[in-house]
Amino acid sequence: NGHLPEKTSQLISTILDSLDDDVTGAKAHAVAAIEAGLTIEELVEAFVIVTIVKGINVLCKAGVEAIKAAEERLQHLNSANETK
């Protein structure tokens, strides 16, 4: 119940977990961010910024897995909305 929107809070947690090589946490927060309204483009942009600052390893380890999980969740949400 903080002042940041849920999608922003989850995005920050995704990036922090990725920086710590916590793939499970990064994936879970990325999915929660998508569920809270974050777009894939916003997620990727955040990883681009982090990659510029901290290097490619952040993206290559947890980042790719987090983005994949977010894309899968978004596809599932879109499929569910289409069947309604």
Protein backbone atom coordinates (compact mmCIF):
# COMPACT_ATOMS: atom_id res chain seq x y z
CA ASN A 1 0.00 0.00 0.00
CA GLY A 2 2.78 2.41 -0.90
CA HIS A 3 2.74 5.44 -3.14
CA LEU A 4 4.17 3.70 -6.20
CA PRO A 5 1.78 2.02 -8.60
CA GLU A 6 1.84 -1.78 -8.24
CA LYS A 7 3.30 -2.25 -11.72
CA THR A 8 6.21 0.05 -10.84
CA SER A 9 6.86 -1.67 -7.53
CA GLN A 10 6.87 -5.07 -9.24
CA LEU A 11 9.16 -3.76 -12.01
CA ILE A 12 11.67 -2.52 -9.45
CA SER A 13 11.56 -5.88 -7.68
CA THR A 14 12.09 -7.66 -11.01
CA ILE A 15 15.19 -5.62 -11.72
CA LEU A 16 16.58 -6.00 -8.20
CA ASP A 17 16.11 -9.77 -8.27
CA SER A 18 17.79 -9.88 -11.67
CA LEU A 19 20.75 -7.97 -10.31
CA ASP A 20 21.02 -10.61 -7.57
CA ASP A 21 20.74 -13.48 -10.09
CA ASP A 22 17.47 -14.56 -8.46
CA VAL A 23 15.75 -16.02 -11.52
CA THR A 24 12.73 -17.34 -9.62
CA GLY A 25 12.06 -14.00 -7.97
CA ALA A 26 12.65 -12.02 -11.16
CA LYS A 27 10.18 -14.20 -13.05
CA ALA A 28 7.54 -13.98 -10.32
CA HIS A 29 7.80 -10.19 -10.09
CA ALA A 30 7.78 -9.80 -13.88
CA VAL A 31 4.56 -11.80 -14.08
CA ALA A 32 3.04 -9.76 -11.24
CA ALA A 33 4.06 -6.55 -13.03
CA ILE A 34 2.32 -7.70 -16.22
CA GLU A 35 -0.78 -8.58 -14.20
CA ALA A 36 -0.65 -5.07 -12.71
CA GLY A 37 -0.60 -3.47 -16.16
CA LEU A 38 3.07 -3.21 -17.11
CA THR A 39 3.73 -3.64 -20.83
CA ILE A 40 6.41 -5.86 -22.31
CA GLU A 41 7.92 -2.74 -23.85
CA GLU A 42 8.25 -1.12 -20.42
CA LEU A 43 9.85 -4.27 -19.02
CA VAL A 44 12.33 -4.50 -21.87
CA GLU A 45 13.17 -0.79 -21.59
CA ALA A 46 13.98 -1.24 -17.91
CA PHE A 47 16.32 -4.11 -18.78
CA VAL A 48 17.97 -2.00 -21.50
CA ILE A 49 18.70 0.70 -18.93
CA VAL A 50 20.04 -1.80 -16.41
CA THR A 51 22.15 -3.48 -19.09
CA ILE A 52 23.72 -0.14 -20.03
CA VAL A 53 24.56 0.57 -16.39
CA LYS A 54 25.40 -2.89 -15.02
CA GLY A 55 26.36 -4.91 -18.10
CA ILE A 56 24.93 -7.65 -20.24
CA ASN A 57 25.12 -10.36 -17.57
CA VAL A 58 21.98 -9.02 -15.89
CA LEU A 59 20.03 -9.55 -19.08
CA CYS A 60 21.65 -12.86 -20.00
CA LYS A 61 20.96 -14.52 -16.68
CA ALA A 62 17.68 -13.63 -14.99
CA GLY A 63 16.55 -10.95 -17.45
CA VAL A 64 15.83 -13.22 -20.38
CA GLU A 65 13.92 -15.64 -18.16
CA ALA A 66 11.90 -12.82 -16.60
CA ILE A 67 10.96 -11.41 -20.01
CA LYS A 68 9.95 -14.88 -21.26
CA ALA A 69 7.76 -15.45 -18.20
CA ALA A 70 6.14 -12.04 -18.66
CA GLU A 71 5.45 -12.73 -22.35
CA GLU A 72 3.90 -16.10 -21.53
CA ARG A 73 1.67 -14.55 -18.88
CA LEU A 74 0.59 -11.79 -21.24
CA GLN A 75 -0.29 -14.35 -23.92
CA HIS A 76 -2.34 -16.28 -21.38
CA LEU A 77 -4.15 -13.13 -20.26
CA ASN A 78 -4.84 -12.13 -23.87
CA SER A 79 -6.16 -15.62 -24.67
CA ALA A 80 -8.45 -15.54 -21.65
CA ASN A 81 -9.80 -12.12 -22.69
CA GLU A 82 -10.45 -13.34 -26.24
CA THR A 83 -12.58 -16.24 -25.03
CA LYS A 84 -14.87 -13.95 -23.02
